[in-house]
Amino acid sequence: MSKFLDKPASDTLYRAIVLLQTEEECRNFLQDLCTVSELKAMEQRMEVAMLLDDGLIYSDILERTGASSATISRVNRCLHYGAEGYHTVIPRLKGEKEKES
């Protein structure tokens, strides 16, 4: 883990996120914490991750999301060599979608 992510302030942030109990609480917290552009960037990365997981190719993802090839590549790298965060969340999100269907 990087030195930046190993600080007590990081722990406080992660604990705060874990304490959120609803989607609305999460939305409100992130809107207070982040700028609009930061939120849009995170939302775009999540969408790219979902599409990569679905097997879409870069050009299709770029067309659907407007994400740069650098962003798509970075997300893809995280999917393959990252901290497994996407791999934790994506199946859960897909499971929720299946329950709604």
Protein backbone atom coordinates (compact mmCIF):
# COMPACT_ATOMS: atom_id res chain seq x y z
CA MET A 1 0.00 0.00 0.00
CA SER A 2 1.30 3.48 -0.75
CA LYS A 3 2.45 5.77 2.04
CA PHE A 4 -0.38 8.18 1.17
CA LEU A 5 -3.04 5.55 1.74
CA ASP A 6 -1.49 4.38 5.00
CA LYS A 7 -2.19 7.58 6.97
CA PRO A 8 -4.65 7.89 9.87
CA ALA A 9 -6.67 10.41 7.81
CA SER A 10 -7.18 7.72 5.18
CA ASP A 11 -8.44 5.34 7.84
CA THR A 12 -10.92 7.95 9.01
CA LEU A 13 -12.24 8.39 5.48
CA TYR A 14 -12.62 4.65 4.91
CA ARG A 15 -14.34 4.17 8.28
CA ALA A 16 -16.71 7.04 7.44
CA ILE A 17 -17.65 5.37 4.15
CA VAL A 18 -18.28 2.04 5.86
CA LEU A 19 -20.59 3.75 8.35
CA LEU A 20 -22.93 4.97 5.60
CA GLN A 21 -26.12 2.93 5.66
CA THR A 22 -28.12 3.95 2.60
CA GLU A 23 -27.53 5.02 -0.98
CA GLU A 24 -28.92 8.45 -0.07
CA GLU A 25 -26.47 8.83 2.83
CA CYS A 26 -23.64 7.85 0.51
CA ARG A 27 -24.76 10.29 -2.18
CA ASN A 28 -25.04 13.14 0.34
CA PHE A 29 -21.65 12.38 1.90
CA LEU A 30 -19.86 12.16 -1.45
CA GLN A 31 -21.54 15.36 -2.68
CA ASP A 32 -20.21 17.14 0.41
CA LEU A 33 -16.78 15.54 0.16
CA CYS A 34 -16.08 15.75 -3.58
CA THR A 35 -16.31 18.30 -6.33
CA VAL A 36 -18.75 17.73 -9.17
CA SER A 37 -15.86 16.86 -11.50
CA GLU A 38 -14.43 14.35 -9.00
CA LEU A 39 -17.81 12.65 -8.66
CA LYS A 40 -18.27 12.54 -12.43
CA ALA A 41 -14.81 11.02 -12.84
CA MET A 42 -15.54 8.31 -10.26
CA GLU A 43 -18.95 7.60 -11.79
CA GLN A 44 -17.35 7.30 -15.21
CA ARG A 45 -14.65 4.92 -13.93
CA MET A 46 -17.30 2.72 -12.33
CA GLU A 47 -19.29 2.62 -15.58
CA VAL A 48 -16.12 1.77 -17.53
CA ALA A 49 -15.31 -1.04 -15.07
CA MET A 50 -18.79 -2.52 -15.45
CA LEU A 51 -18.55 -2.40 -19.25
CA LEU A 52 -15.06 -3.93 -19.27
CA ASP A 53 -16.36 -6.68 -17.00
CA ASP A 54 -19.16 -7.25 -19.51
CA GLY A 55 -16.50 -7.80 -22.18
CA LEU A 56 -16.95 -4.63 -24.20
CA ILE A 57 -14.00 -3.36 -26.22
CA TYR A 58 -12.34 0.04 -25.75
CA SER A 59 -13.96 1.69 -28.78
CA ASP A 60 -17.46 0.70 -27.66
CA ILE A 61 -16.77 1.90 -24.12
CA LEU A 62 -15.38 5.19 -25.41
CA GLU A 63 -18.50 5.69 -27.53
CA ARG A 64 -20.87 4.86 -24.66
CA THR A 65 -19.14 6.77 -21.87
CA GLY A 66 -16.96 9.42 -23.47
CA ALA A 67 -14.08 8.18 -21.32
CA SER A 68 -10.61 8.70 -22.69
CA SER A 69 -8.54 5.71 -23.74
CA ALA A 70 -6.20 6.55 -20.84
CA THR A 71 -9.08 6.26 -18.36
CA ILE A 72 -10.29 3.01 -19.90
CA SER A 73 -6.75 1.64 -19.82
CA ARG A 74 -6.27 2.68 -16.19
CA VAL A 75 -9.51 1.02 -15.11
CA ASN A 76 -8.62 -2.10 -17.09
CA ARG A 77 -5.22 -2.21 -15.38
CA CYS A 78 -6.94 -1.97 -11.99
CA LEU A 79 -9.31 -4.79 -12.94
CA HIS A 80 -6.34 -7.02 -13.73
CA TYR A 81 -3.65 -5.88 -11.30
CA GLY A 82 -5.39 -3.68 -8.73
CA ALA A 83 -6.41 -4.14 -5.12
CA GLU A 84 -9.50 -6.23 -6.06
CA GLY A 85 -11.89 -3.41 -5.17
CA TYR A 86 -13.75 -3.60 -8.48
CA HIS A 87 -13.91 -7.39 -8.15
CA THR A 88 -15.59 -7.00 -4.78
CA VAL A 89 -18.19 -4.48 -5.92
CA ILE A 90 -19.08 -5.49 -9.49
CA PRO A 91 -20.57 -8.92 -8.65
CA ARG A 92 -22.60 -7.36 -5.86
CA LEU A 93 -23.97 -4.69 -8.19
CA LYS A 94 -24.79 -7.28 -10.83
CA GLY A 95 -26.49 -9.41 -8.17
CA GLU A 96 -28.70 -6.45 -7.23
CA LYS A 97 -29.65 -5.95 -10.89
CA GLU A 98 -30.60 -9.62 -11.21
CA LYS A 99 -32.83 -9.40 -8.13
CA GLU A 100 -34.60 -6.37 -9.61
CA SER A 101 -35.33 -8.22 -12.87
